[in-house]
Amino acid sequence: MPGRRNPTRTPARRRPRRGRRPVHRRRGGAAVDAAGLLAAAAFVSVLVPQARQWLQLHGADIAAVTVAVLAAGALTLLLVKAARRGASAWTARRRRPEGWDIRFLDGLHHSQFEEAVRDLMRRDGAHDAVRVGGAGDNGADVKGTDPAGRRWVIQCKHRRDGAAGAAVGTPDLHVLNGTGRPVHRGDVVVLVTNGRFSAPAVQFARSQRLHLVDRGLLNTGATGSSPLWELLQHLPAPRRTHPLPGRTRRLHS
């Protein structure tokens, strides 16, 4: 009948518009915000004068510490860059030992100098030469066997200033003399430096059958003229009557 509602029909619900959320208003929100602002203002009014007073008392110390930290960081960065440049230069040239000279050896780190001596030994025919320098090396930095079968035990002393640096003295030779033959079983016990030796060190080496390679002799060997076993005198007798084929390599400049 007209005018009567259908009891089975459910009235349609209005869908809320998308993108809008109902706004819930909290009672007393303005009072809470005002109280928070007052508390923050009180805290700042107490903190700021104390902070200012503390900075006045310790400002110079803070500035000094800051400058020191920045300087240390800059110095560390420069050292890292220099070490990387040195390592890259060494990596680039270590494969060409025939092009080495004493000036190149002067610029190496002491560990690189030991590696260079090892590579020179390998270049000239001591293919088993190894670097053993480091903690607990017992006075030996490089060991290897020459083409005549003689066992070489070498201690390396690098001088940053070359011949102008401190002379290698007898204390270093005492260590090498005490371990070169008894511990390392060396036939030829050598101390190699890019610097020089003191007069007492030379006398002690002669009395103990130790061999010295100074700056001049090292440069002669490094430039490829002759291997050390042809430059040094009074070497022990060869262990092999005939050198192994392909073991001797002489480079002429």
C-alpha atoms as a PDB file:
ATOM      1  CA  MET A   1       0.000   0.000   0.000  1.00  0.00           C
ATOM      2  CA  PRO A   2       1.219   3.427  -0.687  1.00  0.00           C
ATOM      3  CA  GLY A   3       2.814   5.218   2.198  1.00  0.00           C
ATOM      4  CA  ARG A   4       3.905   2.002   4.005  1.00  0.00           C
ATOM      5  CA  ARG A   5       7.550   0.942   4.348  1.00  0.00           C
ATOM      6  CA  ASN A   6       8.687  -2.499   3.343  1.00  0.00           C
ATOM      7  CA  PRO A   7       9.773  -4.176   6.610  1.00  0.00           C
ATOM      8  CA  THR A   8      12.153  -6.546   4.731  1.00  0.00           C
ATOM      9  CA  ARG A   9      14.114  -3.738   3.100  1.00  0.00           C
ATOM     10  CA  THR A  10      17.206  -2.487   4.907  1.00  0.00           C
ATOM     11  CA  PRO A  11      17.883   1.195   4.634  1.00  0.00           C
ATOM     12  CA  ALA A  12      21.041   1.995   2.672  1.00  0.00           C
ATOM     13  CA  ARG A  13      24.049   3.137   4.705  1.00  0.00           C
ATOM     14  CA  ARG A  14      26.019   6.145   3.661  1.00  0.00           C
ATOM     15  CA  ARG A  15      29.614   5.255   2.830  1.00  0.00           C
ATOM     16  CA  PRO A  16      32.267   7.573   4.256  1.00  0.00           C
ATOM     17  CA  ARG A  17      34.296   9.484   1.767  1.00  0.00           C
ATOM     18  CA  ARG A  18      37.719   8.015   1.033  1.00  0.00           C
ATOM     19  CA  GLY A  19      40.798   9.933   2.031  1.00  0.00           C
ATOM     20  CA  ARG A  20      39.189  11.501   5.054  1.00  0.00           C
ATOM     21  CA  ARG A  21      39.365  10.179   8.552  1.00  0.00           C
ATOM     22  CA  PRO A  22      37.050  11.217  11.293  1.00  0.00           C
ATOM     23  CA  VAL A  23      38.516  13.840  13.521  1.00  0.00           C
ATOM     24  CA  HIS A  24      38.490  13.034  17.188  1.00  0.00           C
ATOM     25  CA  ARG A  25      38.857  15.990  19.444  1.00  0.00           C
ATOM     26  CA  ARG A  26      40.398  15.440  22.838  1.00  0.00           C
ATOM     27  CA  ARG A  27      39.088  17.435  25.669  1.00  0.00           C
ATOM     28  CA  GLY A  28      41.565  19.428  27.541  1.00  0.00           C
ATOM     29  CA  GLY A  29      44.147  19.287  24.713  1.00  0.00           C
ATOM     30  CA  ALA A  30      44.845  23.005  24.875  1.00  0.00           C
ATOM     31  CA  ALA A  31      45.540  22.786  28.609  1.00  0.00           C
ATOM     32  CA  VAL A  32      48.008  19.912  28.118  1.00  0.00           C
ATOM     33  CA  ASP A  33      49.863  21.767  25.358  1.00  0.00           C
ATOM     34  CA  ALA A  34      50.130  24.877  27.489  1.00  0.00           C
ATOM     35  CA  ALA A  35      51.506  22.886  30.427  1.00  0.00           C
ATOM     36  CA  GLY A  36      54.101  21.220  28.163  1.00  0.00           C
ATOM     37  CA  LEU A  37      55.230  24.555  26.805  1.00  0.00           C
ATOM     38  CA  LEU A  38      55.598  25.969  30.300  1.00  0.00           C
ATOM     39  CA  ALA A  39      57.663  22.943  31.406  1.00  0.00           C
ATOM     40  CA  ALA A  40      59.914  23.175  28.345  1.00  0.00           C
ATOM     41  CA  ALA A  41      60.420  26.900  28.898  1.00  0.00           C
ATOM     42  CA  ALA A  42      61.358  26.312  32.530  1.00  0.00           C
ATOM     43  CA  PHE A  43      63.802  23.555  31.569  1.00  0.00           C
ATOM     44  CA  VAL A  44      65.442  25.740  28.921  1.00  0.00           C
ATOM     45  CA  SER A  45      65.676  28.701  31.308  1.00  0.00           C
ATOM     46  CA  VAL A  46      67.631  26.513  33.746  1.00  0.00           C
ATOM     47  CA  LEU A  47      69.743  24.625  31.189  1.00  0.00           C
ATOM     48  CA  VAL A  48      70.913  27.492  29.014  1.00  0.00           C
ATOM     49  CA  PRO A  49      72.684  29.517  31.761  1.00  0.00           C
ATOM     50  CA  GLN A  50      74.404  26.379  33.057  1.00  0.00           C
ATOM     51  CA  ALA A  51      75.518  25.385  29.572  1.00  0.00           C
ATOM     52  CA  ARG A  52      76.812  28.890  28.928  1.00  0.00           C
ATOM     53  CA  GLN A  53      78.744  28.904  32.186  1.00  0.00           C
ATOM     54  CA  TRP A  54      80.200  25.441  31.434  1.00  0.00           C
ATOM     55  CA  LEU A  55      81.315  26.531  27.970  1.00  0.00           C
ATOM     56  CA  GLN A  56      82.944  29.644  29.412  1.00  0.00           C
ATOM     57  CA  LEU A  57      84.949  27.477  31.800  1.00  0.00           C
ATOM     58  CA  HIS A  58      85.855  24.667  29.391  1.00  0.00           C
ATOM     59  CA  GLY A  59      85.564  26.286  25.988  1.00  0.00           C
ATOM     60  CA  ALA A  60      89.332  26.578  25.490  1.00  0.00           C
ATOM     61  CA  ASP A  61      89.865  22.927  26.373  1.00  0.00           C
ATOM     62  CA  ILE A  62      87.139  21.826  24.000  1.00  0.00           C
ATOM     63  CA  ALA A  63      88.621  23.908  21.208  1.00  0.00           C
ATOM     64  CA  ALA A  64      92.085  22.463  21.833  1.00  0.00           C
ATOM     65  CA  VAL A  65      90.784  18.904  21.837  1.00  0.00           C
ATOM     66  CA  THR A  66      88.788  19.531  18.673  1.00  0.00           C
ATOM     67  CA  VAL A  67      91.812  20.963  16.873  1.00  0.00           C
ATOM     68  CA  ALA A  68      93.969  18.046  18.024  1.00  0.00           C
ATOM     69  CA  VAL A  69      91.428  15.490  16.817  1.00  0.00           C
ATOM     70  CA  LEU A  70      91.101  17.191  13.440  1.00  0.00           C
ATOM     71  CA  ALA A  71      94.878  17.429  13.057  1.00  0.00           C
ATOM     72  CA  ALA A  72      95.322  13.764  13.960  1.00  0.00           C
ATOM     73  CA  GLY A  73      92.647  12.779  11.470  1.00  0.00           C
ATOM     74  CA  ALA A  74      94.250  14.827   8.705  1.00  0.00           C
ATOM     75  CA  LEU A  75      97.692  13.390   9.472  1.00  0.00           C
ATOM     76  CA  THR A  76      96.319   9.850   9.465  1.00  0.00           C
ATOM     77  CA  LEU A  77      94.656  10.461   6.116  1.00  0.00           C
ATOM     78  CA  LEU A  78      97.894  11.795   4.630  1.00  0.00           C
ATOM     79  CA  LEU A  79      99.873   8.822   5.951  1.00  0.00           C
ATOM     80  CA  VAL A  80      97.352   6.366   4.545  1.00  0.00           C
ATOM     81  CA  LYS A  81      97.476   8.047   1.147  1.00  0.00           C
ATOM     82  CA  ALA A  82     101.290   8.071   1.192  1.00  0.00           C
ATOM     83  CA  ALA A  83     101.398   4.401   2.149  1.00  0.00           C
ATOM     84  CA  ARG A  84      99.002   3.542  -0.659  1.00  0.00           C
ATOM     85  CA  ARG A  85     101.094   5.479  -3.169  1.00  0.00           C
ATOM     86  CA  GLY A  86     104.255   3.767  -1.939  1.00  0.00           C
ATOM     87  CA  ALA A  87     102.643   0.345  -2.067  1.00  0.00           C
ATOM     88  CA  SER A  88     101.316   0.923  -5.578  1.00  0.00           C
ATOM     89  CA  ALA A  89     104.736   2.109  -6.786  1.00  0.00           C
ATOM     90  CA  TRP A  90     106.389  -0.931  -5.247  1.00  0.00           C
ATOM     91  CA  THR A  91     103.794  -3.253  -6.785  1.00  0.00           C
ATOM     92  CA  ALA A  92     104.339  -1.694 -10.198  1.00  0.00           C
ATOM     93  CA  ARG A  93     108.136  -2.014 -10.123  1.00  0.00           C
ATOM     94  CA  ARG A  94     108.704  -5.193  -8.148  1.00  0.00           C
ATOM     95  CA  ARG A  95     108.142  -7.279 -11.281  1.00  0.00           C
ATOM     96  CA  ARG A  96     111.063  -5.563 -13.029  1.00  0.00           C
ATOM     97  CA  PRO A  97     114.078  -6.063 -10.731  1.00  0.00           C
ATOM     98  CA  GLU A  98     116.455  -5.527 -13.645  1.00  0.00           C
ATOM     99  CA  GLY A  99     115.477  -1.847 -13.527  1.00  0.00           C
ATOM    100  CA  TRP A 100     116.264  -1.312  -9.864  1.00  0.00           C
ATOM    101  CA  ASP A 101     119.036   0.919  -8.582  1.00  0.00           C
ATOM    102  CA  ILE A 102     120.143   2.067  -5.162  1.00  0.00           C
ATOM    103  CA  ARG A 103     117.926   5.160  -5.238  1.00  0.00           C
ATOM    104  CA  PHE A 104     114.883   3.001  -5.787  1.00  0.00           C
ATOM    105  CA  LEU A 105     115.919   0.743  -2.907  1.00  0.00           C
ATOM    106  CA  ASP A 106     116.417   3.784  -0.663  1.00  0.00           C
ATOM    107  CA  GLY A 107     112.750   4.726  -1.025  1.00  0.00           C
ATOM    108  CA  LEU A 108     111.380   1.362   0.119  1.00  0.00           C
ATOM    109  CA  HIS A 109     109.919   0.457   3.484  1.00  0.00           C
ATOM    110  CA  HIS A 110     112.094  -1.940   5.476  1.00  0.00           C
ATOM    111  CA  SER A 111     109.724  -4.841   4.763  1.00  0.00           C
ATOM    112  CA  GLN A 112     109.734  -3.984   1.052  1.00  0.00           C
ATOM    113  CA  PHE A 113     113.528  -3.865   1.180  1.00  0.00           C
ATOM    114  CA  GLU A 114     113.542  -7.448   2.451  1.00  0.00           C
ATOM    115  CA  GLU A 115     111.209  -8.454  -0.372  1.00  0.00           C
ATOM    116  CA  ALA A 116     113.495  -6.699  -2.863  1.00  0.00           C
ATOM    117  CA  VAL A 117     116.536  -8.650  -1.647  1.00  0.00           C
ATOM    118  CA  ARG A 118     114.525 -11.862  -1.963  1.00  0.00           C
ATOM    119  CA  ASP A 119     113.475 -10.964  -5.510  1.00  0.00           C
ATOM    120  CA  LEU A 120     117.062 -10.163  -6.473  1.00  0.00           C
ATOM    121  CA  MET A 121     118.110 -13.588  -5.226  1.00  0.00           C
ATOM    122  CA  ARG A 122     115.367 -15.209  -7.279  1.00  0.00           C
ATOM    123  CA  ARG A 123     116.274 -13.172 -10.332  1.00  0.00           C
ATOM    124  CA  ASP A 124     119.859 -14.377 -10.227  1.00  0.00           C
ATOM    125  CA  GLY A 125     119.022 -18.074  -9.835  1.00  0.00           C
ATOM    126  CA  ALA A 126     118.092 -18.748  -6.185  1.00  0.00           C
ATOM    127  CA  HIS A 127     114.554 -19.711  -7.122  1.00  0.00           C
ATOM    128  CA  ASP A 128     113.698 -21.016  -3.655  1.00  0.00           C
ATOM    129  CA  ALA A 129     114.519 -17.704  -1.949  1.00  0.00           C
ATOM    130  CA  VAL A 130     111.921 -16.712   0.646  1.00  0.00           C
ATOM    131  CA  ARG A 131     111.425 -13.791   2.989  1.00  0.00           C
ATOM    132  CA  VAL A 132     111.249 -14.905   6.610  1.00  0.00           C
ATOM    133  CA  GLY A 133     111.730 -11.550   8.324  1.00  0.00           C
ATOM    134  CA  GLY A 134     109.431 -10.557  11.130  1.00  0.00           C
ATOM    135  CA  ALA A 135     108.849 -11.362  14.772  1.00  0.00           C
ATOM    136  CA  GLY A 136     110.799 -14.438  15.801  1.00  0.00           C
ATOM    137  CA  ASP A 137     112.961 -14.538  12.658  1.00  0.00           C
ATOM    138  CA  ASN A 138     116.086 -15.278  14.737  1.00  0.00           C
ATOM    139  CA  GLY A 139     118.215 -12.821  12.827  1.00  0.00           C
ATOM    140  CA  ALA A 140     117.316 -13.967   9.291  1.00  0.00           C
ATOM    141  CA  ASP A 141     115.217 -11.997   6.826  1.00  0.00           C
ATOM    142  CA  VAL A 142     115.848 -13.883   3.569  1.00  0.00           C
ATOM    143  CA  LYS A 143     116.959 -17.452   2.918  1.00  0.00           C
ATOM    144  CA  GLY A 144     117.680 -19.207  -0.355  1.00  0.00           C
ATOM    145  CA  THR A 145     119.962 -21.584  -2.256  1.00  0.00           C
ATOM    146  CA  ASP A 146     122.329 -20.349  -4.990  1.00  0.00           C
ATOM    147  CA  PRO A 147     122.962 -22.330  -8.210  1.00  0.00           C
ATOM    148  CA  ALA A 148     126.022 -23.939  -6.600  1.00  0.00           C
ATOM    149  CA  GLY A 149     123.863 -25.438  -3.848  1.00  0.00           C
ATOM    150  CA  ARG A 150     125.026 -23.142  -1.026  1.00  0.00           C
ATOM    151  CA  ARG A 151     122.459 -22.098   1.547  1.00  0.00           C
ATOM    152  CA  TRP A 152     122.290 -18.305   2.002  1.00  0.00           C
ATOM    153  CA  VAL A 153     121.078 -16.687   5.207  1.00  0.00           C
ATOM    154  CA  ILE A 154     120.641 -12.925   4.843  1.00  0.00           C
ATOM    155  CA  GLN A 155     119.812 -10.220   7.330  1.00  0.00           C
ATOM    156  CA  CYS A 156     118.631  -6.896   5.873  1.00  0.00           C
ATOM    157  CA  LYS A 157     119.176  -3.464   7.381  1.00  0.00           C
ATOM    158  CA  HIS A 158     117.442  -0.658   5.551  1.00  0.00           C
ATOM    159  CA  ARG A 159     118.501   2.941   6.115  1.00  0.00           C
ATOM    160  CA  ARG A 160     116.029   5.634   5.097  1.00  0.00           C
ATOM    161  CA  ASP A 161     118.869   8.126   4.594  1.00  0.00           C
ATOM    162  CA  GLY A 162     121.149   5.686   2.804  1.00  0.00           C
ATOM    163  CA  ALA A 163     124.834   6.332   3.392  1.00  0.00           C
ATOM    164  CA  ALA A 164     123.957   9.366   5.544  1.00  0.00           C
ATOM    165  CA  GLY A 165     122.111   7.154   8.008  1.00  0.00           C
ATOM    166  CA  ALA A 166     123.545   5.410  11.036  1.00  0.00           C
ATOM    167  CA  ALA A 167     126.220   2.830  10.236  1.00  0.00           C
ATOM    168  CA  VAL A 168     125.370  -0.812  10.858  1.00  0.00           C
ATOM    169  CA  GLY A 169     127.435  -1.911  13.859  1.00  0.00           C
ATOM    170  CA  THR A 170     128.578  -5.081  15.561  1.00  0.00           C
ATOM    171  CA  PRO A 171     125.410  -5.671  17.660  1.00  0.00           C
ATOM    172  CA  ASP A 172     123.482  -6.609  14.515  1.00  0.00           C
ATOM    173  CA  LEU A 173     126.308  -8.902  13.442  1.00  0.00           C
ATOM    174  CA  HIS A 174     126.359 -10.580  16.842  1.00  0.00           C
ATOM    175  CA  VAL A 175     122.755 -11.680  16.388  1.00  0.00           C
ATOM    176  CA  LEU A 176     123.367 -12.895  12.842  1.00  0.00           C
ATOM    177  CA  ASN A 177     126.560 -14.713  13.817  1.00  0.00           C
ATOM    178  CA  GLY A 178     124.788 -16.510  16.658  1.00  0.00           C
ATOM    179  CA  THR A 179     121.960 -17.865  14.496  1.00  0.00           C
ATOM    180  CA  GLY A 180     123.104 -17.889  10.874  1.00  0.00           C
ATOM    181  CA  ARG A 181     124.905 -21.229  11.004  1.00  0.00           C
ATOM    182  CA  PRO A 182     123.692 -22.980  14.185  1.00  0.00           C
ATOM    183  CA  VAL A 183     119.987 -22.192  13.753  1.00  0.00           C
ATOM    184  CA  HIS A 184     119.458 -21.588  10.022  1.00  0.00           C
ATOM    185  CA  ARG A 185     122.186 -23.943   8.749  1.00  0.00           C
ATOM    186  CA  GLY A 186     123.586 -21.328   6.415  1.00  0.00           C
ATOM    187  CA  ASP A 187     126.666 -21.843   4.278  1.00  0.00           C
ATOM    188  CA  VAL A 188     126.895 -18.148   3.391  1.00  0.00           C
ATOM    189  CA  VAL A 189     125.821 -15.734   6.152  1.00  0.00           C
ATOM    190  CA  VAL A 190     125.327 -12.188   4.853  1.00  0.00           C
ATOM    191  CA  LEU A 191     124.207  -8.797   6.103  1.00  0.00           C
ATOM    192  CA  VAL A 192     122.840  -6.526   3.364  1.00  0.00           C
ATOM    193  CA  THR A 193     122.247  -2.801   3.773  1.00  0.00           C
ATOM    194  CA  ASN A 194     121.642   0.197   1.565  1.00  0.00           C
ATOM    195  CA  GLY A 195     123.817   2.150   3.991  1.00  0.00           C
ATOM    196  CA  ARG A 196     127.281   1.543   5.387  1.00  0.00           C
ATOM    197  CA  PHE A 197     129.099  -0.477   8.041  1.00  0.00           C
ATOM    198  CA  SER A 198     131.186   0.737  10.945  1.00  0.00           C
ATOM    199  CA  ALA A 199     134.882  -0.165  11.044  1.00  0.00           C
ATOM    200  CA  PRO A 200     134.442  -2.509  14.059  1.00  0.00           C
ATOM    201  CA  ALA A 201     131.628  -4.270  12.197  1.00  0.00           C
ATOM    202  CA  VAL A 202     133.899  -4.900   9.204  1.00  0.00           C
ATOM    203  CA  GLN A 203     136.631  -6.327  11.440  1.00  0.00           C
ATOM    204  CA  PHE A 204     134.182  -8.528  13.320  1.00  0.00           C
ATOM    205  CA  ALA A 205     132.696  -9.860  10.064  1.00  0.00           C
ATOM    206  CA  ARG A 206     136.132 -10.871   8.799  1.00  0.00           C
ATOM    207  CA  SER A 207     136.983 -12.682  12.004  1.00  0.00           C
ATOM    208  CA  GLN A 208     133.707 -14.651  11.951  1.00  0.00           C
ATOM    209  CA  ARG A 209     133.514 -15.399   8.210  1.00  0.00           C
ATOM    210  CA  LEU A 210     130.473 -13.198   7.763  1.00  0.00           C
ATOM    211  CA  HIS A 211     129.882 -11.425   4.466  1.00  0.00           C
ATOM    212  CA  LEU A 212     128.870  -7.778   4.167  1.00  0.00           C
ATOM    213  CA  VAL A 213     127.025  -6.139   1.282  1.00  0.00           C
ATOM    214  CA  ASP A 214     127.098  -2.365   1.573  1.00  0.00           C
ATOM    215  CA  ARG A 215     125.505   0.344  -0.523  1.00  0.00           C
ATOM    216  CA  GLY A 216     127.975   0.216  -3.401  1.00  0.00           C
ATOM    217  CA  LEU A 217     128.031  -3.573  -3.690  1.00  0.00           C
ATOM    218  CA  LEU A 218     124.245  -3.769  -3.444  1.00  0.00           C
ATOM    219  CA  ASN A 219     123.865  -1.246  -6.255  1.00  0.00           C
ATOM    220  CA  THR A 220     126.223  -3.287  -8.442  1.00  0.00           C
ATOM    221  CA  GLY A 221     124.191  -6.407  -7.849  1.00  0.00           C
ATOM    222  CA  ALA A 222     120.810  -4.699  -8.175  1.00  0.00           C
ATOM    223  CA  THR A 223     121.575  -3.071 -11.522  1.00  0.00           C
ATOM    224  CA  GLY A 224     122.085  -6.537 -12.991  1.00  0.00           C
ATOM    225  CA  SER A 225     125.833  -6.667 -13.529  1.00  0.00           C
ATOM    226  CA  SER A 226     126.486  -9.820 -11.473  1.00  0.00           C
ATOM    227  CA  PRO A 227     124.794 -11.880  -8.732  1.00  0.00           C
ATOM    228  CA  LEU A 228     126.070 -11.629  -5.186  1.00  0.00           C
ATOM    229  CA  TRP A 229     127.811 -15.020  -5.351  1.00  0.00           C
ATOM    230  CA  GLU A 230     130.056 -13.590  -8.069  1.00  0.00           C
ATOM    231  CA  LEU A 231     130.687 -10.322  -6.221  1.00  0.00           C
ATOM    232  CA  LEU A 232     131.562 -11.644  -2.766  1.00  0.00           C
ATOM    233  CA  GLN A 233     134.942 -13.185  -2.039  1.00  0.00           C
ATOM    234  CA  HIS A 234     135.980 -16.173   0.069  1.00  0.00           C
ATOM    235  CA  LEU A 235     132.717 -18.053  -0.304  1.00  0.00           C
ATOM    236  CA  PRO A 236     132.500 -21.693   0.820  1.00  0.00           C
ATOM    237  CA  ALA A 237     133.081 -24.409  -1.761  1.00  0.00           C
ATOM    238  CA  PRO A 238     130.072 -25.219  -3.959  1.00  0.00           C
ATOM    239  CA  ARG A 239     127.891 -28.100  -2.876  1.00  0.00           C
ATOM    240  CA  ARG A 240     127.253 -28.911  -6.542  1.00  0.00           C
ATOM    241  CA  THR A 241     130.112 -29.511  -8.974  1.00  0.00           C
ATOM    242  CA  HIS A 242     128.010 -28.214 -11.864  1.00  0.00           C
ATOM    243  CA  PRO A 243     125.207 -25.696 -11.420  1.00  0.00           C
ATOM    244  CA  LEU A 244     121.757 -26.876 -12.392  1.00  0.00           C
ATOM    245  CA  PRO A 245     120.736 -25.922 -15.958  1.00  0.00           C
ATOM    246  CA  GLY A 246     118.901 -22.645 -16.133  1.00  0.00           C
ATOM    247  CA  ARG A 247     119.730 -21.678 -12.531  1.00  0.00           C
ATOM    248  CA  THR A 248     122.367 -19.007 -13.278  1.00  0.00           C
ATOM    249  CA  ARG A 249     121.151 -15.782 -14.806  1.00  0.00           C
ATOM    250  CA  ARG A 250     123.452 -12.843 -15.375  1.00  0.00           C
ATOM    251  CA  LEU A 251     122.022  -9.545 -16.500  1.00  0.00           C
ATOM    252  CA  HIS A 252     124.371  -7.043 -18.119  1.00  0.00           C
ATOM    253  CA  SER A 253     123.597  -3.349 -18.141  1.00  0.00           C
END
